[in-house]
């Protein structure tokens, strides 16, 4: 935004990603490519997905069918999902290191991915 009368400019970070998908043994489509489970952009740098998860692994690729492409990963390998707690992530540009979250409880979930603050929240 520009305020010419006060000669000021303000900047805000925009969302870096066009799409966020999910894959893994915890998701409805598993590891199959192309990834069919996609998140919906809800604004303010946040993507959301609602559906059933089963116990297993999950990660968030940014392309539909590339395990060596950019992927949103857990900060450590085999990070347990803590329901209701925002958890940090990083973008692995080539899908490596392959650090996934572990879903321990099956059920209906809402996943919110905040790409501005690099946080993902699983609500059950």
N, C-alpha and C. Protein backbone atom coordinates (compact mmCIF):
# COMPACT_ATOMS: atom_id res chain seq x y z
N UNK A 1 0.83 -1.18 0.00
CA UNK A 1 0.00 0.00 0.00
C UNK A 1 0.89 1.25 0.00
N UNK A 2 0.41 2.28 -0.66
CA UNK A 2 1.16 3.54 -0.72
C UNK A 2 0.30 4.67 -0.17
N UNK A 3 0.88 5.46 0.68
CA UNK A 3 0.25 6.66 1.21
C UNK A 3 1.10 7.83 0.73
N UNK A 4 0.73 8.41 -0.39
CA UNK A 4 1.54 9.45 -1.02
C UNK A 4 1.57 10.75 -0.21
N UNK A 5 0.50 11.04 0.53
CA UNK A 5 0.50 12.28 1.31
C UNK A 5 1.53 12.23 2.44
N UNK A 6 1.79 11.04 2.99
CA UNK A 6 2.80 10.88 4.04
C UNK A 6 4.10 10.27 3.51
N UNK A 7 4.11 10.01 2.20
CA UNK A 7 5.29 9.41 1.54
C UNK A 7 5.73 8.12 2.22
N UNK A 8 4.77 7.22 2.42
CA UNK A 8 5.09 5.94 3.05
C UNK A 8 4.60 4.80 2.16
N UNK A 9 5.29 3.70 2.27
CA UNK A 9 4.90 2.44 1.63
C UNK A 9 4.83 1.38 2.69
N UNK A 10 3.89 0.48 2.58
CA UNK A 10 3.86 -0.67 3.48
C UNK A 10 3.83 -1.94 2.63
N UNK A 11 4.47 -2.96 3.14
CA UNK A 11 4.58 -4.23 2.44
C UNK A 11 4.07 -5.35 3.32
N UNK A 12 3.51 -6.37 2.69
CA UNK A 12 3.15 -7.58 3.42
C UNK A 12 3.53 -8.77 2.55
N UNK A 13 3.87 -9.85 3.22
CA UNK A 13 4.27 -11.05 2.51
C UNK A 13 3.05 -11.67 1.86
N UNK A 14 3.20 -12.07 0.61
CA UNK A 14 2.14 -12.75 -0.10
C UNK A 14 2.37 -14.25 -0.04
N UNK A 15 1.34 -15.00 -0.33
CA UNK A 15 1.44 -16.45 -0.36
C UNK A 15 2.37 -16.88 -1.48
N UNK A 16 3.35 -17.72 -1.15
CA UNK A 16 4.32 -18.20 -2.13
C UNK A 16 3.81 -19.37 -2.97
N UNK A 17 2.72 -19.99 -2.58
CA UNK A 17 2.30 -21.25 -3.21
C UNK A 17 0.94 -21.11 -3.90
N UNK A 18 0.82 -21.72 -5.06
CA UNK A 18 -0.45 -21.72 -5.77
C UNK A 18 -1.33 -22.88 -5.30
N UNK A 19 -0.71 -24.02 -4.98
CA UNK A 19 -1.45 -25.23 -4.60
C UNK A 19 -0.71 -25.94 -3.47
N UNK A 20 -1.48 -26.62 -2.63
CA UNK A 20 -0.91 -27.52 -1.62
C UNK A 20 -1.72 -28.80 -1.68
N UNK A 21 -1.03 -29.92 -1.80
CA UNK A 21 -1.66 -31.24 -1.86
C UNK A 21 -1.29 -32.00 -0.60
N UNK A 22 -1.95 -33.13 -0.37
CA UNK A 22 -1.53 -34.01 0.70
C UNK A 22 -1.42 -35.43 0.18
N UNK A 23 -0.47 -36.14 0.73
CA UNK A 23 -0.29 -37.54 0.35
C UNK A 23 0.27 -38.28 1.56
N UNK A 24 0.20 -39.58 1.49
CA UNK A 24 0.72 -40.42 2.55
C UNK A 24 -0.25 -41.51 2.92
N UNK A 25 0.24 -42.46 3.69
CA UNK A 25 -0.59 -43.61 4.07
C UNK A 25 -1.78 -43.21 4.94
N UNK A 26 -1.76 -42.02 5.55
CA UNK A 26 -2.87 -41.55 6.38
C UNK A 26 -3.99 -40.92 5.56
N UNK A 27 -3.73 -40.63 4.27
CA UNK A 27 -4.69 -39.88 3.45
C UNK A 27 -5.57 -40.81 2.62
N UNK A 28 -6.73 -40.32 2.16
CA UNK A 28 -7.63 -41.16 1.36
C UNK A 28 -7.00 -41.71 0.08
N UNK A 29 -6.09 -40.97 -0.55
CA UNK A 29 -5.51 -41.45 -1.81
C UNK A 29 -4.12 -42.08 -1.63
N UNK A 30 -3.65 -42.17 -0.39
CA UNK A 30 -2.37 -42.84 -0.12
C UNK A 30 -1.21 -42.15 -0.80
N UNK A 31 -0.34 -42.96 -1.39
CA UNK A 31 0.87 -42.46 -2.06
C UNK A 31 0.69 -42.36 -3.57
N UNK A 32 -0.53 -42.62 -4.07
CA UNK A 32 -0.77 -42.63 -5.52
C UNK A 32 -0.55 -41.25 -6.13
N UNK A 33 0.05 -41.25 -7.32
CA UNK A 33 0.20 -40.02 -8.09
C UNK A 33 -0.62 -40.14 -9.36
N UNK A 34 -1.13 -39.06 -9.92
CA UNK A 34 -1.02 -37.71 -9.37
C UNK A 34 -1.83 -37.60 -8.07
N UNK A 35 -1.38 -36.71 -7.19
CA UNK A 35 -2.05 -36.50 -5.91
C UNK A 35 -3.41 -35.88 -6.17
N UNK A 36 -4.45 -36.49 -5.61
CA UNK A 36 -5.81 -36.02 -5.86
C UNK A 36 -6.39 -35.24 -4.69
N UNK A 37 -5.76 -35.32 -3.54
CA UNK A 37 -6.24 -34.59 -2.37
C UNK A 37 -5.57 -33.23 -2.34
N UNK A 38 -6.34 -32.18 -2.59
CA UNK A 38 -5.77 -30.83 -2.59
C UNK A 38 -6.45 -29.97 -1.53
N UNK A 39 -5.69 -29.02 -1.03
CA UNK A 39 -6.20 -28.07 -0.06
C UNK A 39 -6.83 -26.89 -0.79
N UNK A 40 -7.76 -26.24 -0.15
CA UNK A 40 -8.43 -25.06 -0.68
C UNK A 40 -7.79 -23.82 -0.07
N UNK A 41 -7.46 -22.85 -0.92
CA UNK A 41 -6.93 -21.60 -0.40
C UNK A 41 -8.07 -20.81 0.21
N UNK A 42 -7.94 -20.45 1.50
CA UNK A 42 -9.02 -19.73 2.20
C UNK A 42 -8.65 -18.27 2.49
N UNK A 43 -7.49 -17.83 1.98
CA UNK A 43 -7.07 -16.44 2.17
C UNK A 43 -6.04 -16.28 3.26
N UNK A 44 -5.42 -15.12 3.28
CA UNK A 44 -4.41 -14.77 4.29
C UNK A 44 -3.30 -15.79 4.40
N UNK A 45 -2.91 -16.39 3.27
CA UNK A 45 -1.82 -17.36 3.27
C UNK A 45 -2.18 -18.69 3.88
N UNK A 46 -3.48 -19.01 3.96
CA UNK A 46 -3.90 -20.26 4.58
C UNK A 46 -4.61 -21.16 3.58
N UNK A 47 -4.25 -22.43 3.64
CA UNK A 47 -4.90 -23.48 2.87
C UNK A 47 -5.58 -24.42 3.86
N UNK A 48 -6.70 -25.04 3.42
CA UNK A 48 -7.42 -25.93 4.33
C UNK A 48 -7.92 -27.17 3.59
N UNK A 49 -7.95 -28.28 4.32
CA UNK A 49 -8.47 -29.55 3.81
C UNK A 49 -9.31 -30.18 4.91
N UNK A 50 -10.44 -30.77 4.52
CA UNK A 50 -11.30 -31.49 5.46
C UNK A 50 -11.57 -32.88 4.92
N UNK A 51 -11.46 -33.87 5.81
CA UNK A 51 -11.74 -35.24 5.39
C UNK A 51 -11.24 -36.24 6.42
N UNK A 52 -11.35 -37.51 6.03
CA UNK A 52 -10.97 -38.60 6.93
C UNK A 52 -9.50 -38.96 6.76
N UNK A 53 -8.83 -39.10 7.88
CA UNK A 53 -7.46 -39.61 7.92
C UNK A 53 -7.45 -40.92 8.71
N UNK A 54 -6.52 -41.79 8.37
CA UNK A 54 -6.31 -43.03 9.10
C UNK A 54 -4.91 -42.96 9.73
N UNK A 55 -4.61 -43.81 10.68
CA UNK A 55 -3.26 -43.80 11.23
C UNK A 55 -2.23 -44.04 10.11
N UNK A 56 -1.18 -43.24 10.12
CA UNK A 56 -0.14 -43.36 9.11
C UNK A 56 0.62 -42.07 8.91
N UNK A 57 1.31 -41.96 7.76
CA UNK A 57 2.17 -40.82 7.45
C UNK A 57 1.46 -39.81 6.57
N UNK A 58 1.91 -38.54 6.67
CA UNK A 58 1.35 -37.48 5.83
C UNK A 58 2.41 -36.41 5.59
N UNK A 59 2.39 -35.85 4.38
CA UNK A 59 3.21 -34.70 4.02
C UNK A 59 2.45 -33.90 2.97
N UNK A 60 2.96 -32.72 2.59
CA UNK A 60 2.22 -31.80 1.74
C UNK A 60 3.03 -31.35 0.52
N UNK A 61 2.93 -32.09 -0.60
CA UNK A 61 3.63 -31.69 -1.82
C UNK A 61 2.98 -30.44 -2.44
N UNK A 62 3.78 -29.70 -3.19
CA UNK A 62 3.29 -28.49 -3.84
C UNK A 62 3.04 -28.71 -5.33
N UNK A 63 3.29 -29.91 -5.82
CA UNK A 63 2.98 -30.29 -7.20
C UNK A 63 2.14 -31.56 -7.16
N UNK A 64 1.51 -31.90 -8.28
CA UNK A 64 0.57 -33.03 -8.27
C UNK A 64 1.20 -34.41 -8.34
N UNK A 65 2.44 -34.53 -8.79
CA UNK A 65 2.94 -35.89 -8.98
C UNK A 65 4.44 -36.02 -8.88
N UNK A 66 5.08 -35.23 -8.06
CA UNK A 66 6.53 -35.26 -8.04
C UNK A 66 7.04 -35.41 -6.61
N UNK A 67 7.55 -36.60 -6.30
CA UNK A 67 8.12 -36.83 -4.97
C UNK A 67 9.46 -36.11 -4.79
N UNK A 68 10.07 -35.67 -5.87
CA UNK A 68 11.32 -34.93 -5.79
C UNK A 68 11.10 -33.43 -5.97
N UNK A 69 9.84 -33.00 -5.90
CA UNK A 69 9.52 -31.58 -6.02
C UNK A 69 9.37 -30.94 -4.66
N UNK A 70 9.08 -29.65 -4.63
CA UNK A 70 8.95 -28.94 -3.36
C UNK A 70 7.81 -29.53 -2.52
N UNK A 71 8.12 -29.74 -1.24
CA UNK A 71 7.17 -30.39 -0.33
C UNK A 71 7.28 -29.75 1.04
N UNK A 72 6.13 -29.49 1.66
CA UNK A 72 6.10 -28.98 3.03
C UNK A 72 6.28 -30.17 3.97
N UNK A 73 7.33 -30.11 4.78
CA UNK A 73 7.74 -31.24 5.63
C UNK A 73 7.75 -30.85 7.10
N UNK A 74 7.63 -31.88 7.94
CA UNK A 74 7.75 -31.71 9.39
C UNK A 74 9.17 -31.28 9.72
N UNK A 75 9.34 -30.61 10.84
CA UNK A 75 10.66 -30.13 11.26
C UNK A 75 11.59 -31.27 11.64
N UNK A 76 11.03 -32.43 11.98
CA UNK A 76 11.82 -33.61 12.31
C UNK A 76 11.11 -34.84 11.75
N UNK A 77 11.86 -35.86 11.43
CA UNK A 77 11.27 -37.10 10.90
C UNK A 77 10.33 -37.72 11.92
N UNK A 78 9.24 -38.28 11.42
CA UNK A 78 8.27 -39.01 12.24
C UNK A 78 7.70 -38.17 13.38
N UNK A 79 7.35 -36.92 13.06
CA UNK A 79 6.76 -36.02 14.06
C UNK A 79 5.31 -36.40 14.31
N UNK A 80 4.95 -36.75 15.54
CA UNK A 80 3.55 -37.07 15.82
C UNK A 80 2.66 -35.84 15.67
N UNK A 81 1.49 -36.04 15.07
CA UNK A 81 0.50 -34.97 14.99
C UNK A 81 -0.04 -34.71 16.39
N UNK A 82 -0.01 -33.45 16.80
CA UNK A 82 -0.60 -33.04 18.08
C UNK A 82 -1.86 -32.27 17.71
N UNK A 83 -3.00 -32.86 18.00
CA UNK A 83 -4.28 -32.28 17.60
C UNK A 83 -4.49 -30.93 18.28
N UNK A 84 -4.81 -29.92 17.44
CA UNK A 84 -5.11 -28.58 17.94
C UNK A 84 -3.90 -27.70 18.18
N UNK A 85 -2.69 -28.22 18.00
CA UNK A 85 -1.48 -27.44 18.26
C UNK A 85 -0.79 -27.08 16.95
N UNK A 86 -0.59 -25.78 16.66
CA UNK A 86 0.14 -25.40 15.45
C UNK A 86 1.56 -25.96 15.50
N UNK A 87 1.95 -26.64 14.44
CA UNK A 87 3.27 -27.26 14.35
C UNK A 87 4.03 -26.66 13.18
N UNK A 88 5.32 -26.41 13.37
CA UNK A 88 6.14 -25.81 12.34
C UNK A 88 6.44 -26.76 11.19
N UNK A 89 6.71 -26.18 10.02
CA UNK A 89 7.15 -26.95 8.86
C UNK A 89 8.14 -26.13 8.07
N UNK A 90 8.81 -26.79 7.13
CA UNK A 90 9.70 -26.11 6.19
C UNK A 90 9.43 -26.66 4.81
N UNK A 91 9.85 -25.93 3.80
CA UNK A 91 9.68 -26.39 2.43
C UNK A 91 10.99 -27.03 1.98
N UNK A 92 10.93 -28.32 1.70
CA UNK A 92 12.08 -29.05 1.16
C UNK A 92 12.01 -28.92 -0.36
N UNK A 93 12.88 -28.12 -0.99
CA UNK A 93 12.76 -27.82 -2.42
C UNK A 93 12.75 -29.04 -3.34
N UNK A 94 13.44 -30.09 -2.97
CA UNK A 94 13.49 -31.30 -3.80
C UNK A 94 12.94 -32.52 -3.06
N UNK A 95 12.07 -32.26 -2.08
CA UNK A 95 11.44 -33.35 -1.34
C UNK A 95 12.37 -34.08 -0.40
N UNK A 96 13.51 -33.47 -0.08
CA UNK A 96 14.48 -34.14 0.77
C UNK A 96 15.07 -33.12 1.74
N UNK A 97 15.14 -33.38 3.04
CA UNK A 97 14.90 -34.66 3.68
C UNK A 97 13.40 -34.97 3.78
N UNK A 98 13.07 -36.23 3.67
CA UNK A 98 11.70 -36.70 3.63
C UNK A 98 11.19 -36.88 5.06
N UNK A 99 10.74 -35.79 5.68
CA UNK A 99 10.32 -35.79 7.08
C UNK A 99 8.81 -35.62 7.16
N UNK A 100 8.14 -36.68 7.57
CA UNK A 100 6.68 -36.71 7.57
C UNK A 100 6.12 -36.57 8.99
N UNK A 101 4.83 -36.19 9.05
CA UNK A 101 4.09 -36.24 10.30
C UNK A 101 3.48 -37.62 10.42
N UNK A 102 3.23 -38.05 11.64
CA UNK A 102 2.58 -39.34 11.91
C UNK A 102 1.22 -39.08 12.55
N UNK A 103 0.17 -39.51 11.85
CA UNK A 103 -1.20 -39.44 12.39
C UNK A 103 -1.41 -40.71 13.20
N UNK A 104 -1.69 -40.55 14.49
CA UNK A 104 -1.87 -41.72 15.36
C UNK A 104 -3.33 -42.10 15.52
N UNK A 105 -4.24 -41.10 15.38
CA UNK A 105 -5.67 -41.35 15.57
C UNK A 105 -6.41 -41.11 14.26
N UNK A 106 -7.16 -42.11 13.81
CA UNK A 106 -8.00 -41.93 12.64
C UNK A 106 -9.22 -41.10 12.99
N UNK A 107 -9.86 -40.54 11.96
CA UNK A 107 -11.07 -39.76 12.17
C UNK A 107 -11.19 -38.64 11.18
N UNK A 108 -12.22 -37.83 11.36
CA UNK A 108 -12.46 -36.66 10.51
C UNK A 108 -11.60 -35.50 10.99
N UNK A 109 -10.87 -34.89 10.06
CA UNK A 109 -9.94 -33.83 10.40
C UNK A 109 -10.19 -32.59 9.54
N UNK A 110 -9.83 -31.45 10.10
CA UNK A 110 -9.63 -30.22 9.34
C UNK A 110 -8.17 -29.87 9.51
N UNK A 111 -7.47 -29.75 8.39
CA UNK A 111 -6.05 -29.39 8.40
C UNK A 111 -5.94 -27.97 7.86
N UNK A 112 -5.31 -27.09 8.61
CA UNK A 112 -5.08 -25.72 8.17
C UNK A 112 -3.58 -25.50 8.07
N UNK A 113 -3.14 -25.08 6.88
CA UNK A 113 -1.73 -24.85 6.61
C UNK A 113 -1.53 -23.35 6.40
N UNK A 114 -0.80 -22.74 7.30
CA UNK A 114 -0.51 -21.31 7.25
C UNK A 114 0.88 -21.14 6.65
N UNK A 115 0.94 -20.80 5.36
CA UNK A 115 2.22 -20.72 4.67
C UNK A 115 2.95 -19.40 4.92
N UNK A 116 2.29 -18.44 5.54
CA UNK A 116 2.96 -17.19 5.90
C UNK A 116 3.81 -17.42 7.16
N UNK A 117 3.24 -18.13 8.13
CA UNK A 117 3.92 -18.38 9.41
C UNK A 117 4.53 -19.77 9.52
N UNK A 118 4.43 -20.57 8.44
CA UNK A 118 4.98 -21.94 8.40
C UNK A 118 4.48 -22.79 9.56
N UNK A 119 3.15 -22.85 9.70
CA UNK A 119 2.51 -23.66 10.74
C UNK A 119 1.39 -24.49 10.13
N UNK A 120 1.24 -25.71 10.61
CA UNK A 120 0.13 -26.56 10.20
C UNK A 120 -0.60 -26.99 11.48
N UNK A 121 -1.95 -26.98 11.41
CA UNK A 121 -2.76 -27.36 12.56
C UNK A 121 -3.74 -28.45 12.11
N UNK A 122 -3.78 -29.54 12.86
CA UNK A 122 -4.72 -30.63 12.63
C UNK A 122 -5.80 -30.54 13.70
N UNK A 123 -7.05 -30.36 13.30
CA UNK A 123 -8.18 -30.34 14.23
C UNK A 123 -9.02 -31.57 13.96
N UNK A 124 -9.46 -32.22 15.02
CA UNK A 124 -10.26 -33.45 14.87
C UNK A 124 -11.68 -33.17 15.31
